[in-house]
Amino acid sequence: MIIRSAVDQTLPSFTLVGLMVPPEALVIPLYFHLRSAGLTDSYWALILPQTAQSLAVSIFWMRDSF
């Protein structure tokens, strides 16, 4: 139970940190990461960042609801 309570406390903290960082602060580093991976000018360059951002919101929302 000690491990579970530690995870229960750290997961919401990481989720909140992810929600507090403005997306504008991540645009330039994200571009360089996508360029080094060869994903610029592709649908994956749109899908992956949106999924990562939406995942943080949905985890926080679902955790509060259930």
N, C-alpha and C. Protein backbone atom coordinates (compact mmCIF):
# COMPACT_ATOMS: atom_id res chain seq x y z
N MET A 1 0.81 -1.20 0.00
CA MET A 1 0.00 0.00 0.00
C MET A 1 0.85 1.26 0.00
N ILE A 2 2.07 1.18 0.47
CA ILE A 2 2.93 2.36 0.50
C ILE A 2 3.26 2.80 -0.92
N ILE A 3 3.54 1.84 -1.80
CA ILE A 3 3.88 2.18 -3.18
C ILE A 3 2.68 2.78 -3.88
N ARG A 4 1.53 2.21 -3.66
CA ARG A 4 0.33 2.73 -4.32
C ARG A 4 0.03 4.15 -3.87
N SER A 5 0.19 4.45 -2.60
CA SER A 5 -0.09 5.81 -2.14
C SER A 5 0.94 6.80 -2.68
N ALA A 6 2.19 6.35 -2.87
CA ALA A 6 3.19 7.24 -3.46
C ALA A 6 2.85 7.54 -4.91
N VAL A 7 2.40 6.54 -5.64
CA VAL A 7 1.99 6.75 -7.03
C VAL A 7 0.75 7.62 -7.09
N ASP A 8 -0.17 7.42 -6.17
CA ASP A 8 -1.38 8.22 -6.15
C ASP A 8 -1.10 9.69 -5.89
N GLN A 9 -0.01 9.99 -5.22
CA GLN A 9 0.32 11.38 -4.95
C GLN A 9 1.16 12.00 -6.06
N THR A 10 2.02 11.22 -6.71
CA THR A 10 2.91 11.80 -7.72
C THR A 10 2.25 11.95 -9.09
N LEU A 11 1.36 11.04 -9.45
CA LEU A 11 0.72 11.12 -10.76
C LEU A 11 -0.08 12.41 -10.94
N PRO A 12 -0.92 12.79 -9.99
CA PRO A 12 -1.63 14.08 -10.16
C PRO A 12 -0.68 15.28 -10.19
N SER A 13 0.42 15.19 -9.48
CA SER A 13 1.37 16.30 -9.49
C SER A 13 1.99 16.47 -10.87
N PHE A 14 2.43 15.38 -11.49
CA PHE A 14 2.98 15.46 -12.84
C PHE A 14 1.94 15.93 -13.84
N THR A 15 0.71 15.49 -13.66
CA THR A 15 -0.36 15.89 -14.56
C THR A 15 -0.61 17.40 -14.45
N LEU A 16 -0.63 17.92 -13.23
CA LEU A 16 -0.83 19.35 -13.05
C LEU A 16 0.32 20.17 -13.60
N VAL A 17 1.54 19.68 -13.46
CA VAL A 17 2.69 20.38 -14.04
C VAL A 17 2.55 20.42 -15.55
N GLY A 18 2.12 19.33 -16.14
CA GLY A 18 1.90 19.30 -17.58
C GLY A 18 0.81 20.25 -18.04
N LEU A 19 -0.18 20.47 -17.20
CA LEU A 19 -1.26 21.39 -17.55
C LEU A 19 -0.84 22.85 -17.36
N MET A 20 0.08 23.11 -16.45
CA MET A 20 0.48 24.49 -16.16
C MET A 20 1.49 25.05 -17.14
N VAL A 21 2.20 24.20 -17.86
CA VAL A 21 3.17 24.68 -18.85
C VAL A 21 2.40 25.16 -20.08
N PRO A 22 2.61 26.42 -20.49
CA PRO A 22 1.88 26.91 -21.65
C PRO A 22 2.38 26.24 -22.93
N PRO A 23 1.49 25.93 -23.85
CA PRO A 23 1.90 25.26 -25.09
C PRO A 23 2.87 26.09 -25.92
N GLU A 24 2.81 27.42 -25.79
CA GLU A 24 3.72 28.27 -26.55
C GLU A 24 5.17 28.05 -26.15
N ALA A 25 5.40 27.65 -24.91
CA ALA A 25 6.76 27.41 -24.44
C ALA A 25 7.35 26.13 -25.01
N LEU A 26 6.53 25.29 -25.58
CA LEU A 26 6.99 24.00 -26.10
C LEU A 26 7.10 23.95 -27.61
N VAL A 27 6.71 25.02 -28.30
CA VAL A 27 6.65 24.96 -29.76
C VAL A 27 8.03 24.81 -30.38
N ILE A 28 8.99 25.63 -29.99
CA ILE A 28 10.31 25.58 -30.62
C ILE A 28 11.04 24.28 -30.28
N PRO A 29 11.11 23.84 -29.00
CA PRO A 29 11.75 22.53 -28.75
C PRO A 29 11.03 21.38 -29.45
N LEU A 30 9.71 21.46 -29.54
CA LEU A 30 8.95 20.42 -30.22
C LEU A 30 9.29 20.37 -31.70
N TYR A 31 9.47 21.53 -32.31
CA TYR A 31 9.85 21.56 -33.72
C TYR A 31 11.20 20.89 -33.93
N PHE A 32 12.17 21.20 -33.07
CA PHE A 32 13.50 20.60 -33.22
C PHE A 32 13.46 19.09 -33.02
N HIS A 33 12.64 18.62 -32.08
CA HIS A 33 12.52 17.17 -31.88
C HIS A 33 11.86 16.50 -33.09
N LEU A 34 10.82 17.11 -33.61
CA LEU A 34 10.14 16.53 -34.77
C LEU A 34 11.03 16.58 -36.01
N ARG A 35 11.83 17.64 -36.14
CA ARG A 35 12.73 17.73 -37.28
C ARG A 35 13.82 16.68 -37.21
N SER A 36 14.36 16.45 -36.00
CA SER A 36 15.41 15.43 -35.87
C SER A 36 14.86 14.03 -36.08
N ALA A 37 13.58 13.83 -35.81
CA ALA A 37 12.96 12.52 -36.05
C ALA A 37 12.46 12.38 -37.48
N GLY A 38 12.54 13.46 -38.27
CA GLY A 38 12.09 13.42 -39.65
C GLY A 38 10.58 13.44 -39.80
N LEU A 39 9.89 14.03 -38.85
CA LEU A 39 8.43 14.01 -38.87
C LEU A 39 7.80 15.34 -39.29
N THR A 40 8.62 16.31 -39.70
CA THR A 40 8.02 17.57 -40.15
C THR A 40 7.28 17.33 -41.47
N ASP A 41 6.26 18.12 -41.70
CA ASP A 41 5.40 18.00 -42.89
C ASP A 41 4.73 16.63 -42.98
N SER A 42 4.27 16.14 -41.84
CA SER A 42 3.54 14.87 -41.85
C SER A 42 2.36 14.97 -40.88
N TYR A 43 1.46 14.05 -40.99
CA TYR A 43 0.33 14.02 -40.07
C TYR A 43 0.77 13.67 -38.65
N TRP A 44 1.83 12.89 -38.51
CA TRP A 44 2.31 12.52 -37.18
C TRP A 44 2.78 13.73 -36.39
N ALA A 45 3.29 14.74 -37.08
CA ALA A 45 3.71 15.97 -36.41
C ALA A 45 2.52 16.71 -35.81
N LEU A 46 1.34 16.46 -36.30
CA LEU A 46 0.13 17.05 -35.73
C LEU A 46 -0.51 16.15 -34.69
N ILE A 47 -0.46 14.85 -34.92
CA ILE A 47 -1.16 13.90 -34.06
C ILE A 47 -0.45 13.71 -32.72
N LEU A 48 0.85 13.51 -32.73
CA LEU A 48 1.58 13.18 -31.50
C LEU A 48 1.53 14.29 -30.44
N PRO A 49 1.81 15.56 -30.77
CA PRO A 49 1.72 16.59 -29.72
C PRO A 49 0.31 16.79 -29.19
N GLN A 50 -0.69 16.71 -30.08
CA GLN A 50 -2.07 16.88 -29.63
C GLN A 50 -2.49 15.75 -28.71
N THR A 51 -2.06 14.54 -29.02
CA THR A 51 -2.38 13.40 -28.17
C THR A 51 -1.73 13.54 -26.80
N ALA A 52 -0.48 13.96 -26.78
CA ALA A 52 0.22 14.13 -25.50
C ALA A 52 -0.44 15.20 -24.64
N GLN A 53 -0.86 16.29 -25.26
CA GLN A 53 -1.51 17.36 -24.50
C GLN A 53 -2.90 16.93 -24.03
N SER A 54 -3.64 16.27 -24.87
CA SER A 54 -4.98 15.83 -24.49
C SER A 54 -4.94 14.74 -23.44
N LEU A 55 -3.91 13.94 -23.44
CA LEU A 55 -3.78 12.87 -22.46
C LEU A 55 -3.66 13.42 -21.04
N ALA A 56 -2.90 14.50 -20.89
CA ALA A 56 -2.76 15.11 -19.56
C ALA A 56 -4.10 15.63 -19.05
N VAL A 57 -4.85 16.27 -19.91
CA VAL A 57 -6.16 16.80 -19.51
C VAL A 57 -7.13 15.67 -19.19
N SER A 58 -7.12 14.64 -20.02
CA SER A 58 -8.08 13.55 -19.80
C SER A 58 -7.76 12.74 -18.55
N ILE A 59 -6.48 12.54 -18.24
CA ILE A 59 -6.12 11.83 -17.01
C ILE A 59 -6.60 12.61 -15.80
N PHE A 60 -6.35 13.90 -15.80
CA PHE A 60 -6.78 14.73 -14.67
C PHE A 60 -8.30 14.73 -14.54
N TRP A 61 -9.00 14.84 -15.66
CA TRP A 61 -10.45 14.87 -15.65
C TRP A 61 -11.04 13.55 -15.19
N MET A 62 -10.53 12.43 -15.72
CA MET A 62 -11.06 11.12 -15.34
C MET A 62 -10.74 10.78 -13.88
N ARG A 63 -9.59 11.21 -13.41
CA ARG A 63 -9.21 10.93 -12.02
C ARG A 63 -10.13 11.67 -11.05
N ASP A 64 -10.54 12.88 -11.40
CA ASP A 64 -11.47 13.62 -10.55
C ASP A 64 -12.88 13.05 -10.60
N SER A 65 -13.23 12.46 -11.72
CA SER A 65 -14.60 11.99 -11.89
C SER A 65 -14.86 10.63 -11.25
N PHE A 66 -13.86 9.76 -11.22
CA PHE A 66 -14.11 8.40 -10.74
C PHE A 66 -13.37 8.07 -9.50
